[in-house]
Each structure stands twice: as C-alpha cells, then as structure tokens.
N, C-alpha and C. Protein backbone atom coordinates (compact mmCIF):
# COMPACT_ATOMS: atom_id res chain seq x y z
N UNK A 1 0.84 -1.17 0.00
CA UNK A 1 0.00 0.00 0.00
C UNK A 1 0.89 1.23 0.00
N UNK A 2 0.52 2.21 -0.79
CA UNK A 2 1.29 3.44 -0.86
C UNK A 2 0.95 4.35 0.33
N UNK A 3 1.79 5.34 0.56
CA UNK A 3 1.52 6.32 1.61
C UNK A 3 0.43 7.26 1.15
N UNK A 4 -0.56 7.45 2.00
CA UNK A 4 -1.67 8.33 1.69
C UNK A 4 -1.77 9.37 2.80
N UNK A 5 -1.80 10.62 2.40
CA UNK A 5 -1.99 11.70 3.36
C UNK A 5 -3.49 11.97 3.43
N UNK A 6 -4.07 11.64 4.58
CA UNK A 6 -5.51 11.76 4.76
C UNK A 6 -5.89 13.20 5.11
N UNK A 7 -6.98 13.65 4.54
CA UNK A 7 -7.56 14.93 4.90
C UNK A 7 -8.28 14.76 6.25
N UNK A 8 -8.92 15.82 6.72
CA UNK A 8 -9.68 15.72 7.96
C UNK A 8 -10.84 14.75 7.78
N UNK A 9 -11.17 14.04 8.83
CA UNK A 9 -12.24 13.06 8.78
C UNK A 9 -13.59 13.72 8.51
N UNK A 10 -14.38 13.14 7.64
CA UNK A 10 -15.72 13.66 7.40
C UNK A 10 -16.57 13.58 8.67
N UNK A 11 -17.29 14.63 8.97
CA UNK A 11 -18.12 14.70 10.17
C UNK A 11 -19.17 13.59 10.20
N UNK A 12 -19.64 13.18 9.05
CA UNK A 12 -20.70 12.16 9.00
C UNK A 12 -20.26 10.83 9.62
N UNK A 13 -18.96 10.55 9.63
CA UNK A 13 -18.49 9.31 10.26
C UNK A 13 -18.73 9.35 11.77
N UNK A 14 -18.45 10.49 12.39
CA UNK A 14 -18.71 10.65 13.82
C UNK A 14 -20.21 10.59 14.09
N UNK A 15 -21.00 11.20 13.25
CA UNK A 15 -22.45 11.19 13.42
C UNK A 15 -23.01 9.78 13.33
N UNK A 16 -22.50 8.98 12.41
CA UNK A 16 -22.95 7.59 12.28
C UNK A 16 -22.58 6.80 13.52
N UNK A 17 -21.39 7.03 14.04
CA UNK A 17 -20.95 6.36 15.27
C UNK A 17 -21.85 6.74 16.43
N UNK A 18 -22.17 8.04 16.54
CA UNK A 18 -23.04 8.51 17.63
C UNK A 18 -24.45 7.93 17.53
N UNK A 19 -24.91 7.64 16.33
CA UNK A 19 -26.23 7.04 16.14
C UNK A 19 -26.23 5.55 16.46
N UNK A 20 -25.03 4.99 16.62
CA UNK A 20 -24.93 3.57 16.92
C UNK A 20 -25.09 2.68 15.71
N UNK A 21 -24.93 3.24 14.53
CA UNK A 21 -25.08 2.47 13.30
C UNK A 21 -23.89 1.55 13.09
N UNK A 22 -24.12 0.47 12.37
CA UNK A 22 -23.02 -0.31 11.82
C UNK A 22 -22.81 0.19 10.39
N UNK A 23 -21.83 -0.38 9.69
CA UNK A 23 -21.50 0.13 8.35
C UNK A 23 -22.65 -0.02 7.37
N UNK A 24 -23.37 -1.15 7.44
CA UNK A 24 -24.49 -1.36 6.52
C UNK A 24 -25.60 -0.34 6.75
N UNK A 25 -25.84 0.01 8.00
CA UNK A 25 -26.86 1.03 8.30
C UNK A 25 -26.42 2.39 7.78
N UNK A 26 -25.14 2.72 7.94
CA UNK A 26 -24.61 3.97 7.40
C UNK A 26 -24.79 4.01 5.89
N UNK A 27 -24.42 2.93 5.24
CA UNK A 27 -24.52 2.85 3.77
C UNK A 27 -25.97 3.01 3.31
N UNK A 28 -26.90 2.41 4.04
CA UNK A 28 -28.31 2.45 3.64
C UNK A 28 -29.00 3.75 4.07
N UNK A 29 -28.76 4.21 5.29
CA UNK A 29 -29.48 5.35 5.85
C UNK A 29 -28.88 6.70 5.49
N UNK A 30 -27.62 6.72 5.13
CA UNK A 30 -26.94 7.97 4.81
C UNK A 30 -26.10 7.77 3.55
N UNK A 31 -26.75 7.29 2.50
CA UNK A 31 -26.01 6.90 1.29
C UNK A 31 -25.27 8.09 0.67
N UNK A 32 -25.85 9.26 0.71
CA UNK A 32 -25.16 10.44 0.17
C UNK A 32 -23.88 10.70 0.97
N UNK A 33 -23.94 10.54 2.29
CA UNK A 33 -22.74 10.69 3.12
C UNK A 33 -21.70 9.63 2.77
N UNK A 34 -22.16 8.40 2.55
CA UNK A 34 -21.25 7.33 2.13
C UNK A 34 -20.54 7.73 0.83
N UNK A 35 -21.28 8.23 -0.12
CA UNK A 35 -20.68 8.64 -1.39
C UNK A 35 -19.68 9.78 -1.19
N UNK A 36 -20.00 10.69 -0.27
CA UNK A 36 -19.07 11.79 0.04
C UNK A 36 -17.78 11.25 0.66
N UNK A 37 -17.91 10.29 1.58
CA UNK A 37 -16.73 9.67 2.20
C UNK A 37 -15.88 8.99 1.13
N UNK A 38 -16.54 8.28 0.24
CA UNK A 38 -15.84 7.58 -0.84
C UNK A 38 -15.11 8.57 -1.75
N UNK A 39 -15.78 9.67 -2.08
CA UNK A 39 -15.16 10.70 -2.93
C UNK A 39 -13.97 11.35 -2.24
N UNK A 40 -14.11 11.63 -0.96
CA UNK A 40 -13.02 12.25 -0.22
C UNK A 40 -11.82 11.31 -0.12
N UNK A 41 -12.08 10.04 0.15
CA UNK A 41 -10.99 9.06 0.20
C UNK A 41 -10.29 8.97 -1.14
N UNK A 42 -11.07 8.93 -2.21
CA UNK A 42 -10.49 8.84 -3.55
C UNK A 42 -9.66 10.08 -3.87
N UNK A 43 -10.14 11.25 -3.49
CA UNK A 43 -9.38 12.48 -3.71
C UNK A 43 -8.06 12.44 -2.94
N UNK A 44 -8.11 11.98 -1.69
CA UNK A 44 -6.88 11.86 -0.88
C UNK A 44 -5.87 10.92 -1.54
N UNK A 45 -6.37 9.94 -2.26
CA UNK A 45 -5.53 8.93 -2.90
C UNK A 45 -5.18 9.30 -4.34
N UNK A 46 -5.49 10.51 -4.71
CA UNK A 46 -5.19 11.00 -6.06
C UNK A 46 -5.82 10.12 -7.14
N UNK A 47 -7.06 9.69 -6.85
CA UNK A 47 -7.90 8.94 -7.80
C UNK A 47 -7.40 7.52 -8.07
N UNK A 48 -6.58 6.97 -7.18
CA UNK A 48 -6.04 5.62 -7.38
C UNK A 48 -6.50 4.67 -6.27
N UNK A 49 -6.62 3.38 -6.61
CA UNK A 49 -6.91 2.34 -5.64
C UNK A 49 -5.80 2.32 -4.59
N UNK A 50 -6.18 2.26 -3.34
CA UNK A 50 -5.20 2.26 -2.25
C UNK A 50 -4.26 1.07 -2.31
N UNK A 51 -4.70 -0.03 -2.87
CA UNK A 51 -3.89 -1.25 -2.88
C UNK A 51 -3.09 -1.43 -4.17
N UNK A 52 -3.73 -1.14 -5.29
CA UNK A 52 -3.14 -1.52 -6.57
C UNK A 52 -2.61 -0.35 -7.38
N UNK A 53 -3.07 0.85 -7.06
CA UNK A 53 -2.70 2.01 -7.87
C UNK A 53 -3.53 2.14 -9.14
N UNK A 54 -4.50 1.26 -9.33
CA UNK A 54 -5.38 1.35 -10.49
C UNK A 54 -6.10 2.69 -10.49
N UNK A 55 -6.26 3.28 -11.67
CA UNK A 55 -6.99 4.52 -11.81
C UNK A 55 -8.47 4.27 -11.51
N UNK A 56 -9.03 5.02 -10.57
CA UNK A 56 -10.44 4.89 -10.21
C UNK A 56 -11.22 6.17 -10.44
N UNK A 57 -10.56 7.14 -11.06
CA UNK A 57 -11.21 8.43 -11.32
C UNK A 57 -12.14 8.35 -12.52
N UNK A 58 -12.46 9.50 -13.04
CA UNK A 58 -13.39 9.60 -14.16
C UNK A 58 -12.95 8.71 -15.33
N UNK A 59 -13.90 7.95 -15.84
CA UNK A 59 -13.62 7.09 -16.98
C UNK A 59 -13.18 5.68 -16.61
N UNK A 60 -13.01 5.40 -15.31
CA UNK A 60 -12.59 4.06 -14.92
C UNK A 60 -13.65 3.02 -15.26
N UNK A 61 -13.22 1.82 -15.51
CA UNK A 61 -14.16 0.72 -15.73
C UNK A 61 -14.29 -0.13 -14.47
N UNK A 62 -13.55 0.24 -13.43
CA UNK A 62 -13.60 -0.50 -12.16
C UNK A 62 -14.71 0.05 -11.26
N UNK A 63 -15.31 -0.82 -10.49
CA UNK A 63 -16.29 -0.41 -9.49
C UNK A 63 -15.53 -0.01 -8.23
N UNK A 64 -15.91 1.08 -7.66
CA UNK A 64 -15.23 1.66 -6.51
C UNK A 64 -16.03 1.41 -5.24
N UNK A 65 -15.33 1.14 -4.14
CA UNK A 65 -15.99 1.02 -2.84
C UNK A 65 -15.04 1.49 -1.75
N UNK A 66 -15.57 1.60 -0.54
CA UNK A 66 -14.75 1.92 0.62
C UNK A 66 -14.34 0.60 1.25
N UNK A 67 -13.05 0.44 1.47
CA UNK A 67 -12.52 -0.75 2.11
C UNK A 67 -12.02 -0.40 3.50
N UNK A 68 -12.28 -1.30 4.44
CA UNK A 68 -11.74 -1.17 5.79
C UNK A 68 -10.44 -1.97 5.83
N UNK A 69 -9.31 -1.28 6.04
CA UNK A 69 -8.03 -1.97 6.08
C UNK A 69 -8.04 -3.02 7.19
N UNK A 70 -8.43 -2.61 8.40
CA UNK A 70 -8.68 -3.58 9.47
C UNK A 70 -10.15 -3.97 9.34
N UNK A 71 -10.41 -5.22 9.11
CA UNK A 71 -11.76 -5.69 8.82
C UNK A 71 -12.75 -5.27 9.90
N UNK A 72 -13.86 -4.69 9.46
CA UNK A 72 -14.86 -4.17 10.38
C UNK A 72 -15.53 -5.27 11.20
N UNK A 73 -15.57 -6.48 10.71
CA UNK A 73 -16.17 -7.59 11.45
C UNK A 73 -15.32 -7.98 12.66
N UNK A 74 -14.03 -7.73 12.58
CA UNK A 74 -13.12 -8.08 13.67
C UNK A 74 -12.81 -6.86 14.53
N UNK A 75 -12.55 -5.74 13.89
CA UNK A 75 -12.17 -4.50 14.58
C UNK A 75 -13.35 -3.53 14.55
N UNK A 76 -14.44 -3.90 15.21
CA UNK A 76 -15.66 -3.10 15.14
C UNK A 76 -15.45 -1.66 15.61
N UNK A 77 -14.52 -1.46 16.53
CA UNK A 77 -14.26 -0.11 17.04
C UNK A 77 -13.63 0.79 15.97
N UNK A 78 -13.13 0.21 14.89
CA UNK A 78 -12.50 0.98 13.82
C UNK A 78 -13.41 1.15 12.60
N UNK A 79 -14.66 0.74 12.72
CA UNK A 79 -15.59 0.80 11.59
C UNK A 79 -15.67 2.19 10.98
N UNK A 80 -15.73 3.23 11.82
CA UNK A 80 -15.86 4.59 11.32
C UNK A 80 -14.60 5.42 11.53
N UNK A 81 -13.49 4.75 11.75
CA UNK A 81 -12.21 5.44 11.92
C UNK A 81 -11.67 5.82 10.54
N UNK A 82 -11.55 7.11 10.28
CA UNK A 82 -11.14 7.62 8.97
C UNK A 82 -9.82 7.02 8.51
N UNK A 83 -8.90 6.83 9.41
CA UNK A 83 -7.59 6.29 9.05
C UNK A 83 -7.66 4.83 8.60
N UNK A 84 -8.81 4.18 8.82
CA UNK A 84 -8.99 2.78 8.45
C UNK A 84 -9.78 2.63 7.14
N UNK A 85 -10.21 3.73 6.54
CA UNK A 85 -11.06 3.68 5.36
C UNK A 85 -10.30 4.12 4.12
N UNK A 86 -10.42 3.31 3.06
CA UNK A 86 -9.70 3.58 1.82
C UNK A 86 -10.59 3.29 0.63
N UNK A 87 -10.41 4.05 -0.43
CA UNK A 87 -11.09 3.78 -1.69
C UNK A 87 -10.33 2.66 -2.40
N UNK A 88 -11.07 1.67 -2.88
CA UNK A 88 -10.45 0.53 -3.53
C UNK A 88 -11.32 0.02 -4.66
N UNK A 89 -10.69 -0.68 -5.58
CA UNK A 89 -11.43 -1.33 -6.66
C UNK A 89 -12.19 -2.51 -6.07
N UNK A 90 -13.49 -2.56 -6.30
CA UNK A 90 -14.33 -3.62 -5.76
C UNK A 90 -14.18 -4.89 -6.59
N UNK A 91 -14.37 -6.02 -5.95
CA UNK A 91 -14.32 -7.34 -6.59
C UNK A 91 -12.92 -7.69 -7.09
N UNK A 92 -11.93 -7.12 -6.44
CA UNK A 92 -10.53 -7.49 -6.71
C UNK A 92 -9.95 -7.93 -5.38
N UNK A 93 -9.10 -8.88 -5.38
CA UNK A 93 -8.52 -9.39 -4.14
C UNK A 93 -7.08 -8.95 -3.92
N UNK A 94 -6.63 -7.95 -4.65
CA UNK A 94 -5.24 -7.52 -4.56
C UNK A 94 -4.83 -7.15 -3.14
N UNK A 95 -5.73 -6.52 -2.39
CA UNK A 95 -5.37 -6.08 -1.05
C UNK A 95 -5.57 -7.14 0.02
N UNK A 96 -6.35 -8.14 -0.28
CA UNK A 96 -6.70 -9.14 0.73
C UNK A 96 -5.49 -9.83 1.37
N UNK A 97 -4.46 -10.07 0.59
CA UNK A 97 -3.33 -10.81 1.14
C UNK A 97 -2.46 -9.95 2.05
N UNK A 98 -2.62 -8.63 2.00
CA UNK A 98 -1.80 -7.79 2.85
C UNK A 98 -2.58 -7.17 4.00
N UNK A 99 -3.89 -7.34 4.00
CA UNK A 99 -4.69 -6.78 5.07
C UNK A 99 -4.48 -7.55 6.37
N UNK A 100 -4.57 -6.82 7.48
CA UNK A 100 -4.45 -7.48 8.78
C UNK A 100 -5.81 -7.94 9.25
N UNK A 101 -5.82 -8.94 10.10
CA UNK A 101 -7.07 -9.43 10.69
C UNK A 101 -7.65 -10.46 9.84
C-alpha cells in the first residue's frame, strides 16, 4: 500500500458512530454521506486504488468502494475510523493478502 496523506475526517463518520449504526446502516441510511466519504478518500488517494494504484477516477471501468483496512467484522471499534477507510477497486482481491485481521 502506498503512503496516503488523509484529509480531515468527514463529520458524517462521527455522526454515524453517535447514532450507533453499523457500516451497513450507514450505507443504507446515509447513502449520500457514504458517497461523500468515498469521494473524499479517492481524492486523498489522487484517484487511485489504495492497494493496486489502479486509476479509479473519471472514466474508470472498475467499481469503486470503501474498504476497511482492518476488517470491520473483527475490529468493530475501527468501523468509522477515517484512518482505516480507503477507496479501492471492488471485486478485486489484490489487497486481501496484505490486510491485517
């Protein structure tokens, strides 16, 4: 994984945590916020997948999602931790072998 300089955490992550939501509830109940988080992560990563460097900006053929570096099922306390969230190409396993947990 390349070095990524993260911007300030989106406020909506703290709000979701305060509501007691899990990630699926955040994705469903605040989908616009989810898209904003995804866009901000992608901008921080200069439009590239955090794991592979694949271009995920305008014109990409890859599906984009937010990936939890530390798996949210194991590290539930890090579900909404900005430093644990990265934009990644969906349905690719490139990062799986290097992720912890």
